[in-house]
PDB file of N, CA and C in Angstrom:
ATOM      1  N   MET A   1       0.938  -1.351   0.216  1.00  0.00           N
ATOM      2  CA  MET A   1       0.474  -0.196   0.011  1.00  0.00           C
ATOM      3  C   MET A   1       1.102   1.674  -0.002  1.00  0.00           C
ATOM      4  N   PHE A   2       0.381   2.134  -1.195  1.00  0.00           N
ATOM      5  CA  PHE A   2       1.584   3.412  -0.928  1.00  0.00           C
ATOM      6  C   PHE A   2       0.685   4.529  -0.740  1.00  0.00           C
ATOM      7  N   PHE A   3       1.006   5.307   0.155  1.00  0.00           N
ATOM      8  CA  PHE A   3       0.661   6.756   0.791  1.00  0.00           C
ATOM      9  C   PHE A   3       1.003   7.870  -0.560  1.00  0.00           C
ATOM     10  N   LYS A   4       0.048   8.846  -1.106  1.00  0.00           N
ATOM     11  CA  LYS A   4       0.722   9.958  -1.414  1.00  0.00           C
ATOM     12  C   LYS A   4       0.957  10.636  -0.417  1.00  0.00           C
ATOM     13  N   LYS A   5       2.038  11.757  -0.650  1.00  0.00           N
ATOM     14  CA  LYS A   5       2.475  12.741   0.068  1.00  0.00           C
ATOM     15  C   LYS A   5       2.201  13.751   0.330  1.00  0.00           C
ATOM     16  N   ARG A   6       1.519  13.774   1.297  1.00  0.00           N
ATOM     17  CA  ARG A   6       0.463  15.304   1.590  1.00  0.00           C
ATOM     18  C   ARG A   6       1.176  17.067   1.029  1.00  0.00           C
ATOM     19  N   GLU A   7       0.505  17.548   0.110  1.00  0.00           N
ATOM     20  CA  GLU A   7       0.865  18.516  -0.478  1.00  0.00           C
ATOM     21  C   GLU A   7       1.136  19.981   1.135  1.00  0.00           C
ATOM     22  N   LYS A   8       2.356  20.463   0.800  1.00  0.00           N
ATOM     23  CA  LYS A   8       2.853  21.421   1.678  1.00  0.00           C
ATOM     24  C   LYS A   8       1.331  22.321   1.694  1.00  0.00           C
ATOM     25  N   ASP A   9       1.059  23.312   3.295  1.00  0.00           N
ATOM     26  CA  ASP A   9       0.311  24.237   3.271  1.00  0.00           C
ATOM     27  C   ASP A   9       0.931  25.886   3.035  1.00  0.00           C
ATOM     28  N   LEU A  10       1.214  26.113   1.923  1.00  0.00           N
ATOM     29  CA  LEU A  10       1.879  27.374   1.850  1.00  0.00           C
ATOM     30  C   LEU A  10       1.435  28.556   2.632  1.00  0.00           C
ATOM     31  N   THR A  11       0.407  28.273   2.710  1.00  0.00           N
ATOM     32  CA  THR A  11      -0.777  29.656   3.680  1.00  0.00           C
ATOM     33  C   THR A  11       0.010  29.573   5.079  1.00  0.00           C
ATOM     34  N   LYS A  12       0.688  28.363   5.800  1.00  0.00           N
ATOM     35  CA  LYS A  12       1.807  28.415   6.804  1.00  0.00           C
ATOM     36  C   LYS A  12       2.853  28.449   6.770  1.00  0.00           C
ATOM     37  N   ASN A  13       3.671  27.981   6.173  1.00  0.00           N
ATOM     38  CA  ASN A  13       4.766  27.947   5.883  1.00  0.00           C
ATOM     39  C   ASN A  13       5.226  27.731   4.164  1.00  0.00           C
ATOM     40  N   PRO A  14       5.736  28.936   3.571  1.00  0.00           N
ATOM     41  CA  PRO A  14       6.198  28.588   2.082  1.00  0.00           C
ATOM     42  C   PRO A  14       7.774  28.293   1.931  1.00  0.00           C
ATOM     43  N   PHE A  15       7.904  28.514   2.998  1.00  0.00           N
ATOM     44  CA  PHE A  15       9.927  28.261   3.412  1.00  0.00           C
ATOM     45  C   PHE A  15      10.280  26.557   3.318  1.00  0.00           C
ATOM     46  N   TYR A  16      10.902  26.612   2.484  1.00  0.00           N
ATOM     47  CA  TYR A  16      11.677  24.968   3.010  1.00  0.00           C
ATOM     48  C   TYR A  16      12.905  24.799   3.646  1.00  0.00           C
ATOM     49  N   ASP A  17      13.030  24.075   4.620  1.00  0.00           N
ATOM     50  CA  ASP A  17      14.344  24.237   5.300  1.00  0.00           C
ATOM     51  C   ASP A  17      15.080  23.053   5.037  1.00  0.00           C
ATOM     52  N   LYS A  18      16.324  23.563   4.514  1.00  0.00           N
ATOM     53  CA  LYS A  18      17.312  22.693   3.918  1.00  0.00           C
ATOM     54  C   LYS A  18      18.666  22.801   4.316  1.00  0.00           C
ATOM     55  N   GLY A  19      18.760  22.692   5.172  1.00  0.00           N
ATOM     56  CA  GLY A  19      20.102  22.681   6.408  1.00  0.00           C
ATOM     57  C   GLY A  19      20.087  24.352   6.301  1.00  0.00           C
ATOM     58  N   ASN A  20      21.828  24.501   6.060  1.00  0.00           N
ATOM     59  CA  ASN A  20      21.915  26.001   6.147  1.00  0.00           C
ATOM     60  C   ASN A  20      20.956  26.886   4.964  1.00  0.00           C
ATOM     61  N   THR A  21      20.260  26.665   4.703  1.00  0.00           N
ATOM     62  CA  THR A  21      19.366  27.201   3.982  1.00  0.00           C
ATOM     63  C   THR A  21      17.646  27.170   3.802  1.00  0.00           C
ATOM     64  N   LEU A  22      17.096  27.997   3.812  1.00  0.00           N
ATOM     65  CA  LEU A  22      15.796  28.373   3.642  1.00  0.00           C
ATOM     66  C   LEU A  22      15.421  28.926   1.786  1.00  0.00           C
ATOM     67  N   VAL A  23      14.578  27.163   1.372  1.00  0.00           N
ATOM     68  CA  VAL A  23      13.974  27.672  -0.370  1.00  0.00           C
ATOM     69  C   VAL A  23      12.784  28.019  -0.258  1.00  0.00           C
ATOM     70  N   VAL A  24      12.771  28.860  -0.980  1.00  0.00           N
ATOM     71  CA  VAL A  24      11.730  29.498  -1.207  1.00  0.00           C
ATOM     72  C   VAL A  24      11.291  29.268  -2.801  1.00  0.00           C
ATOM     73  N   TYR A  25       9.883  28.791  -3.236  1.00  0.00           N
ATOM     74  CA  TYR A  25       9.202  28.876  -4.721  1.00  0.00           C
ATOM     75  C   TYR A  25       8.283  29.937  -5.077  1.00  0.00           C
ATOM     76  N   PHE A  26       8.387  30.822  -5.899  1.00  0.00           N
ATOM     77  CA  PHE A  26       7.325  31.533  -6.051  1.00  0.00           C
ATOM     78  C   PHE A  26       7.478  31.936  -7.722  1.00  0.00           C
ATOM     79  N   LYS A  27       6.247  32.766  -8.037  1.00  0.00           N
ATOM     80  CA  LYS A  27       5.883  32.976  -9.603  1.00  0.00           C
ATOM     81  C   LYS A  27       5.513  34.363  -9.464  1.00  0.00           C
ATOM     82  N   CYS A  28       5.669  35.044 -10.264  1.00  0.00           N
ATOM     83  CA  CYS A  28       5.456  36.363 -10.601  1.00  0.00           C
ATOM     84  C   CYS A  28       4.295  36.722 -11.369  1.00  0.00           C
ATOM     85  N   SER A  29       3.712  37.708 -10.621  1.00  0.00           N
ATOM     86  CA  SER A  29       2.124  37.510 -11.108  1.00  0.00           C
ATOM     87  C   SER A  29       1.736  38.454 -12.472  1.00  0.00           C
ATOM     88  N   LYS A  30       2.596  38.952 -12.838  1.00  0.00           N
ATOM     89  CA  LYS A  30       2.641  39.642 -13.881  1.00  0.00           C
ATOM     90  C   LYS A  30       2.721  38.467 -15.287  1.00  0.00           C
ATOM     91  N   CYS A  31       3.815  38.200 -15.162  1.00  0.00           N
ATOM     92  CA  CYS A  31       4.244  36.894 -16.576  1.00  0.00           C
ATOM     93  C   CYS A  31       4.067  36.007 -15.965  1.00  0.00           C
ATOM     94  N   GLY A  32       3.873  35.118 -15.156  1.00  0.00           N
ATOM     95  CA  GLY A  32       4.096  33.978 -14.542  1.00  0.00           C
ATOM     96  C   GLY A  32       5.608  33.185 -14.659  1.00  0.00           C
ATOM     97  N   GLU A  33       6.379  33.767 -14.559  1.00  0.00           N
ATOM     98  CA  GLU A  33       7.821  33.688 -14.350  1.00  0.00           C
ATOM     99  C   GLU A  33       8.043  32.655 -13.404  1.00  0.00           C
ATOM    100  N   LEU A  34       8.797  31.912 -13.255  1.00  0.00           N
ATOM    101  CA  LEU A  34       9.131  30.589 -11.607  1.00  0.00           C
ATOM    102  C   LEU A  34      10.323  30.798 -11.499  1.00  0.00           C
ATOM    103  N   PHE A  35      10.523  31.132 -10.003  1.00  0.00           N
ATOM    104  CA  PHE A  35      11.570  31.572  -9.287  1.00  0.00           C
ATOM    105  C   PHE A  35      11.507  30.317  -8.099  1.00  0.00           C
ATOM    106  N   ARG A  36      13.067  29.916  -7.932  1.00  0.00           N
ATOM    107  CA  ARG A  36      13.580  29.094  -7.029  1.00  0.00           C
ATOM    108  C   ARG A  36      14.558  30.001  -6.337  1.00  0.00           C
ATOM    109  N   SER A  37      14.544  30.292  -5.040  1.00  0.00           N
ATOM    110  CA  SER A  37      15.606  31.007  -4.191  1.00  0.00           C
ATOM    111  C   SER A  37      15.990  29.920  -3.052  1.00  0.00           C
ATOM    112  N   HIS A  38      17.360  30.336  -2.921  1.00  0.00           N
ATOM    113  CA  HIS A  38      18.259  29.839  -1.767  1.00  0.00           C
ATOM    114  C   HIS A  38      19.004  30.359  -0.698  1.00  0.00           C
ATOM    115  N   LEU A  39      17.994  30.688   0.139  1.00  0.00           N
ATOM    116  CA  LEU A  39      17.721  32.055   1.548  1.00  0.00           C
ATOM    117  C   LEU A  39      19.198  31.364   2.132  1.00  0.00           C
ATOM    118  N   ARG A  40      20.462  31.695   2.104  1.00  0.00           N
ATOM    119  CA  ARG A  40      21.240  31.610   3.636  1.00  0.00           C
ATOM    120  C   ARG A  40      20.853  31.795   4.555  1.00  0.00           C
ATOM    121  N   LYS A  41      20.835  31.235   5.771  1.00  0.00           N
ATOM    122  CA  LYS A  41      20.031  31.175   7.226  1.00  0.00           C
ATOM    123  C   LYS A  41      20.716  32.331   7.382  1.00  0.00           C
ATOM    124  N   TYR A  42      22.003  32.335   7.569  1.00  0.00           N
ATOM    125  CA  TYR A  42      23.200  33.343   8.453  1.00  0.00           C
ATOM    126  C   TYR A  42      23.633  34.241   7.145  1.00  0.00           C
ATOM    127  N   TYR A  43      23.328  34.748   6.335  1.00  0.00           N
ATOM    128  CA  TYR A  43      23.481  35.798   5.100  1.00  0.00           C
ATOM    129  C   TYR A  43      22.294  36.287   5.104  1.00  0.00           C
ATOM    130  N   ASP A  44      21.573  35.900   4.456  1.00  0.00           N
ATOM    131  CA  ASP A  44      20.759  36.558   3.641  1.00  0.00           C
ATOM    132  C   ASP A  44      19.221  36.921   4.770  1.00  0.00           C
ATOM    133  N   VAL A  45      19.202  36.295   5.837  1.00  0.00           N
ATOM    134  CA  VAL A  45      18.234  36.424   6.624  1.00  0.00           C
ATOM    135  C   VAL A  45      19.240  36.919   7.573  1.00  0.00           C
ATOM    136  N   SER A  46      18.677  38.266   8.356  1.00  0.00           N
ATOM    137  CA  SER A  46      19.402  39.048   9.327  1.00  0.00           C
ATOM    138  C   SER A  46      18.939  38.740  10.488  1.00  0.00           C
ATOM    139  N   VAL A  47      19.396  39.200  11.635  1.00  0.00           N
ATOM    140  CA  VAL A  47      19.501  39.573  12.997  1.00  0.00           C
ATOM    141  C   VAL A  47      18.270  40.492  13.242  1.00  0.00           C
ATOM    142  N   ASN A  48      16.679  40.594  13.297  1.00  0.00           N
ATOM    143  CA  ASN A  48      15.977  41.526  13.999  1.00  0.00           C
ATOM    144  C   ASN A  48      16.243  42.556  14.953  1.00  0.00           C
ATOM    145  N   TYR A  49      16.806  43.464  15.094  1.00  0.00           N
ATOM    146  CA  TYR A  49      17.588  44.129  16.718  1.00  0.00           C
ATOM    147  C   TYR A  49      16.135  45.417  16.433  1.00  0.00           C
ATOM    148  N   GLY A  50      15.359  45.526  15.813  1.00  0.00           N
ATOM    149  CA  GLY A  50      14.041  46.253  15.898  1.00  0.00           C
ATOM    150  C   GLY A  50      13.033  46.126  16.373  1.00  0.00           C
ATOM    151  N   GLY A  51      12.007  46.800  16.404  1.00  0.00           N
ATOM    152  CA  GLY A  51      10.748  46.340  17.094  1.00  0.00           C
ATOM    153  C   GLY A  51      10.183  45.249  16.490  1.00  0.00           C
ATOM    154  N   GLY A  52      10.196  44.097  16.218  1.00  0.00           N
ATOM    155  CA  GLY A  52       9.815  43.038  15.449  1.00  0.00           C
ATOM    156  C   GLY A  52       9.581  42.084  16.467  1.00  0.00           C
ATOM    157  N   LYS A  53       8.526  40.796  16.095  1.00  0.00           N
ATOM    158  CA  LYS A  53       8.592  40.166  17.052  1.00  0.00           C
ATOM    159  C   LYS A  53       9.269  38.883  17.275  1.00  0.00           C
ATOM    160  N   GLY A  54      10.112  38.641  15.722  1.00  0.00           N
ATOM    161  CA  GLY A  54      10.771  37.557  15.526  1.00  0.00           C
ATOM    162  C   GLY A  54      12.219  37.871  15.753  1.00  0.00           C
ATOM    163  N   ALA A  55      12.780  36.714  15.946  1.00  0.00           N
ATOM    164  CA  ALA A  55      14.418  36.918  16.356  1.00  0.00           C
ATOM    165  C   ALA A  55      15.526  37.325  15.014  1.00  0.00           C
ATOM    166  N   TYR A  56      14.975  36.683  13.628  1.00  0.00           N
ATOM    167  CA  TYR A  56      14.967  36.693  12.564  1.00  0.00           C
ATOM    168  C   TYR A  56      14.310  37.686  11.517  1.00  0.00           C
ATOM    169  N   LYS A  57      14.483  38.540  10.299  1.00  0.00           N
ATOM    170  CA  LYS A  57      13.867  38.767   9.609  1.00  0.00           C
ATOM    171  C   LYS A  57      14.465  39.012   7.934  1.00  0.00           C
ATOM    172  N   LEU A  58      13.632  38.863   7.186  1.00  0.00           N
ATOM    173  CA  LEU A  58      14.024  38.601   5.715  1.00  0.00           C
ATOM    174  C   LEU A  58      13.220  39.559   4.822  1.00  0.00           C
ATOM    175  N   ASP A  59      13.859  40.362   4.106  1.00  0.00           N
ATOM    176  CA  ASP A  59      13.447  41.408   3.523  1.00  0.00           C
ATOM    177  C   ASP A  59      14.380  41.526   1.816  1.00  0.00           C
ATOM    178  N   LYS A  60      13.535  40.687   1.057  1.00  0.00           N
ATOM    179  CA  LYS A  60      14.337  40.770  -0.395  1.00  0.00           C
ATOM    180  C   LYS A  60      13.444  41.063  -1.680  1.00  0.00           C
ATOM    181  N   GLU A  61      14.136  41.652  -2.718  1.00  0.00           N
ATOM    182  CA  GLU A  61      13.642  42.380  -3.742  1.00  0.00           C
ATOM    183  C   GLU A  61      14.473  40.969  -4.987  1.00  0.00           C
ATOM    184  N   PHE A  62      13.132  40.654  -5.830  1.00  0.00           N
ATOM    185  CA  PHE A  62      13.396  39.831  -7.322  1.00  0.00           C
ATOM    186  C   PHE A  62      13.135  40.558  -8.280  1.00  0.00           C
ATOM    187  N   ILE A  63      13.580  40.352  -8.916  1.00  0.00           N
ATOM    188  CA  ILE A  63      13.432  40.948 -10.656  1.00  0.00           C
ATOM    189  C   ILE A  63      14.010  40.203 -11.656  1.00  0.00           C
ATOM    190  N   GLY A  64      13.103  39.604 -12.419  1.00  0.00           N
ATOM    191  CA  GLY A  64      12.904  38.146 -13.438  1.00  0.00           C
ATOM    192  C   GLY A  64      13.661  38.329 -14.815  1.00  0.00           C
ATOM    193  N   SER A  65      13.848  37.949 -15.624  1.00  0.00           N
ATOM    194  CA  SER A  65      14.315  37.756 -16.969  1.00  0.00           C
ATOM    195  C   SER A  65      13.230  38.585 -17.928  1.00  0.00           C
ATOM    196  N   LYS A  66      12.246  37.976 -17.534  1.00  0.00           N
ATOM    197  CA  LYS A  66      10.851  38.021 -18.616  1.00  0.00           C
ATOM    198  C   LYS A  66      10.242  39.263 -18.722  1.00  0.00           C
ATOM    199  N   CYS A  67       9.997  39.908 -17.290  1.00  0.00           N
ATOM    200  CA  CYS A  67       9.617  41.462 -17.260  1.00  0.00           C
ATOM    201  C   CYS A  67      10.901  42.091 -16.345  1.00  0.00           C
ATOM    202  N   GLN A  68      10.068  43.804 -15.923  1.00  0.00           N
ATOM    203  CA  GLN A  68      10.613  44.425 -14.936  1.00  0.00           C
ATOM    204  C   GLN A  68       9.987  44.146 -13.989  1.00  0.00           C
ATOM    205  N   ASN A  69       8.928  43.284 -13.788  1.00  0.00           N
ATOM    206  CA  ASN A  69       7.874  43.748 -12.735  1.00  0.00           C
ATOM    207  C   ASN A  69       8.726  42.773 -10.933  1.00  0.00           C
ATOM    208  N   LYS A  70       8.724  43.767  -9.870  1.00  0.00           N
ATOM    209  CA  LYS A  70       9.875  43.757  -8.782  1.00  0.00           C
ATOM    210  C   LYS A  70       8.960  42.626  -7.723  1.00  0.00           C
ATOM    211  N   ILE A  71       9.535  41.919  -7.248  1.00  0.00           N
ATOM    212  CA  ILE A  71       9.030  40.999  -6.220  1.00  0.00           C
ATOM    213  C   ILE A  71       9.733  41.291  -4.788  1.00  0.00           C
ATOM    214  N   GLN A  72       9.197  41.462  -3.864  1.00  0.00           N
ATOM    215  CA  GLN A  72       9.147  41.910  -2.381  1.00  0.00           C
ATOM    216  C   GLN A  72       8.629  40.548  -1.790  1.00  0.00           C
ATOM    217  N   ILE A  73       9.672  40.170  -0.815  1.00  0.00           N
ATOM    218  CA  ILE A  73       9.656  39.367  -0.027  1.00  0.00           C
ATOM    219  C   ILE A  73       9.755  39.497   1.307  1.00  0.00           C
ATOM    220  N   TYR A  74       8.830  39.490   2.303  1.00  0.00           N
ATOM    221  CA  TYR A  74       9.200  39.706   3.621  1.00  0.00           C
ATOM    222  C   TYR A  74       8.671  38.474   4.803  1.00  0.00           C
ATOM    223  N   ALA A  75       9.796  38.488   5.530  1.00  0.00           N
ATOM    224  CA  ALA A  75       9.102  37.896   6.776  1.00  0.00           C
ATOM    225  C   ALA A  75      10.028  37.858   7.957  1.00  0.00           C
ATOM    226  N   GLU A  76       9.505  37.125   9.055  1.00  0.00           N
ATOM    227  CA  GLU A  76       9.827  37.196  10.354  1.00  0.00           C
ATOM    228  C   GLU A  76      10.108  35.769  10.909  1.00  0.00           C
ATOM    229  N   PHE A  77      10.990  35.318  11.530  1.00  0.00           N
ATOM    230  CA  PHE A  77      11.030  33.775  11.955  1.00  0.00           C
ATOM    231  C   PHE A  77      11.405  34.109  13.348  1.00  0.00           C
ATOM    232  N   THR A  78      11.202  32.588  13.822  1.00  0.00           N
ATOM    233  CA  THR A  78      11.574  32.642  15.246  1.00  0.00           C
ATOM    234  C   THR A  78      12.951  32.441  15.403  1.00  0.00           C
ATOM    235  N   ARG A  79      13.664  31.739  16.482  1.00  0.00           N
ATOM    236  CA  ARG A  79      15.410  31.530  16.545  1.00  0.00           C
ATOM    237  C   ARG A  79      15.823  30.353  15.866  1.00  0.00           C
ATOM    238  N   SER A  80      14.641  29.659  15.735  1.00  0.00           N
ATOM    239  CA  SER A  80      14.600  27.991  14.871  1.00  0.00           C
ATOM    240  C   SER A  80      14.167  28.125  13.332  1.00  0.00           C
ATOM    241  N   PHE A  81      13.563  29.373  12.697  1.00  0.00           N
ATOM    242  CA  PHE A  81      13.512  29.573  11.529  1.00  0.00           C
ATOM    243  C   PHE A  81      12.506  29.458  11.470  1.00  0.00           C
ATOM    244  N   LYS A  82      11.402  29.272  12.207  1.00  0.00           N
ATOM    245  CA  LYS A  82       9.754  29.290  11.679  1.00  0.00           C
ATOM    246  C   LYS A  82       9.438  30.132  11.388  1.00  0.00           C
ATOM    247  N   PRO A  83       8.464  30.149  10.708  1.00  0.00           N
ATOM    248  CA  PRO A  83       7.842  31.658   9.937  1.00  0.00           C
ATOM    249  C   PRO A  83       6.946  32.209  10.863  1.00  0.00           C
ATOM    250  N   LEU A  84       7.013  33.365  11.533  1.00  0.00           N
ATOM    251  CA  LEU A  84       5.862  34.082  12.357  1.00  0.00           C
ATOM    252  C   LEU A  84       4.914  34.608  11.508  1.00  0.00           C
ATOM    253  N   SER A  85       5.747  35.774  10.217  1.00  0.00           N
ATOM    254  CA  SER A  85       4.962  36.401   9.551  1.00  0.00           C
ATOM    255  C   SER A  85       5.404  36.400   8.184  1.00  0.00           C
ATOM    256  N   PHE A  86       4.801  36.465   6.861  1.00  0.00           N
ATOM    257  CA  PHE A  86       5.406  36.612   5.906  1.00  0.00           C
ATOM    258  C   PHE A  86       4.238  37.338   4.678  1.00  0.00           C
ATOM    259  N   ASP A  87       4.899  37.988   3.741  1.00  0.00           N
ATOM    260  CA  ASP A  87       4.262  38.674   2.611  1.00  0.00           C
ATOM    261  C   ASP A  87       4.894  37.964   1.542  1.00  0.00           C
ATOM    262  N   ILE A  88       3.988  38.788   0.224  1.00  0.00           N
ATOM    263  CA  ILE A  88       4.937  38.781  -0.879  1.00  0.00           C
ATOM    264  C   ILE A  88       4.092  39.521  -1.458  1.00  0.00           C
ATOM    265  N   ILE A  89       5.055  40.652  -1.923  1.00  0.00           N
ATOM    266  CA  ILE A  89       3.997  41.594  -3.207  1.00  0.00           C
ATOM    267  C   ILE A  89       4.642  41.168  -4.616  1.00  0.00           C
ATOM    268  N   GLY A  90       4.045  41.538  -5.873  1.00  0.00           N
ATOM    269  CA  GLY A  90       3.939  41.124  -6.788  1.00  0.00           C
ATOM    270  C   GLY A  90       4.458  39.858  -7.598  1.00  0.00           C
ATOM    271  N   GLY A  91       3.951  38.961  -6.609  1.00  0.00           N
ATOM    272  CA  GLY A  91       3.961  37.405  -6.795  1.00  0.00           C
ATOM    273  C   GLY A  91       3.444  36.427  -6.160  1.00  0.00           C
ATOM    274  N   ASN A  92       3.191  35.273  -6.053  1.00  0.00           N
ATOM    275  CA  ASN A  92       2.531  34.081  -5.756  1.00  0.00           C
ATOM    276  C   ASN A  92       3.497  32.930  -4.947  1.00  0.00           C
ATOM    277  N   PHE A  93       3.646  32.807  -3.922  1.00  0.00           N
ATOM    278  CA  PHE A  93       4.441  31.313  -3.319  1.00  0.00           C
ATOM    279  C   PHE A  93       3.759  30.107  -4.195  1.00  0.00           C
ATOM    280  N   ILE A  94       4.764  29.028  -4.806  1.00  0.00           N
ATOM    281  CA  ILE A  94       4.178  27.902  -4.925  1.00  0.00           C
ATOM    282  C   ILE A  94       4.681  26.858  -4.181  1.00  0.00           C
ATOM    283  N   SER A  95       4.345  25.772  -4.407  1.00  0.00           N
ATOM    284  CA  SER A  95       5.084  24.390  -3.846  1.00  0.00           C
ATOM    285  C   SER A  95       5.983  24.468  -4.640  1.00  0.00           C
ATOM    286  N   GLU A  96       7.142  23.280  -3.696  1.00  0.00           N
ATOM    287  CA  GLU A  96       8.118  22.494  -4.612  1.00  0.00           C
ATOM    288  C   GLU A  96       8.087  21.673  -6.090  1.00  0.00           C
ATOM    289  N   GLY A  97       6.876  20.873  -5.154  1.00  0.00           N
ATOM    290  CA  GLY A  97       6.224  20.064  -6.881  1.00  0.00           C
ATOM    291  C   GLY A  97       5.566  20.444  -7.557  1.00  0.00           C
ATOM    292  N   GLU A  98       4.719  22.160  -7.874  1.00  0.00           N
ATOM    293  CA  GLU A  98       4.387  22.483  -8.747  1.00  0.00           C
ATOM    294  C   GLU A  98       5.125  23.277  -9.363  1.00  0.00           C
ATOM    295  N   TYR A  99       6.485  23.812  -8.843  1.00  0.00           N
ATOM    296  CA  TYR A  99       7.775  24.406  -9.464  1.00  0.00           C
ATOM    297  C   TYR A  99       8.424  23.562 -10.474  1.00  0.00           C
ATOM    298  N   ASN A 100       8.286  22.550  -9.864  1.00  0.00           N
ATOM    299  CA  ASN A 100       9.257  21.190 -10.522  1.00  0.00           C
ATOM    300  C   ASN A 100       8.373  20.908 -12.002  1.00  0.00           C
ATOM    301  N   GLU A 101       6.521  20.678 -11.587  1.00  0.00           N
ATOM    302  CA  GLU A 101       5.865  20.320 -12.478  1.00  0.00           C
ATOM    303  C   GLU A 101       6.036  21.173 -13.558  1.00  0.00           C
ATOM    304  N   GLN A 102       6.314  22.684 -13.622  1.00  0.00           N
ATOM    305  CA  GLN A 102       6.101  23.874 -14.618  1.00  0.00           C
ATOM    306  C   GLN A 102       7.640  23.936 -15.174  1.00  0.00           C
ATOM    307  N   ASN A 103       8.535  23.559 -14.472  1.00  0.00           N
ATOM    308  CA  ASN A 103      10.089  23.802 -15.042  1.00  0.00           C
ATOM    309  C   ASN A 103      10.494  22.548 -16.007  1.00  0.00           C
ATOM    310  N   ILE A 104       9.839  22.263 -16.054  1.00  0.00           N
ATOM    311  CA  ILE A 104      10.374  20.903 -16.931  1.00  0.00           C
ATOM    312  C   ILE A 104      10.568  21.474 -18.668  1.00  0.00           C
TER     313      ILE A 104
END
């Protein structure tokens, strides 16, 4: 008997923990270009010294090769890199499976 792996709930956590990196998959809301970004935990994700509730924060911008639409990703994480809050502007989070299906 085989069990199908359950799809990740992107509304709770769009980030995939891969050791020293967090991987996020998303697509441009304007042209549909697919992105996969490997974010290094102690370089791309910075310590939140300000008034946020998380120990770490992420503030990244992406521009693809198909259009000049700017995609911004904001997130706050706990000390164990679990997301407390996150937002994407100019794009939509997609799952790893959806990225692999469309990027063949």
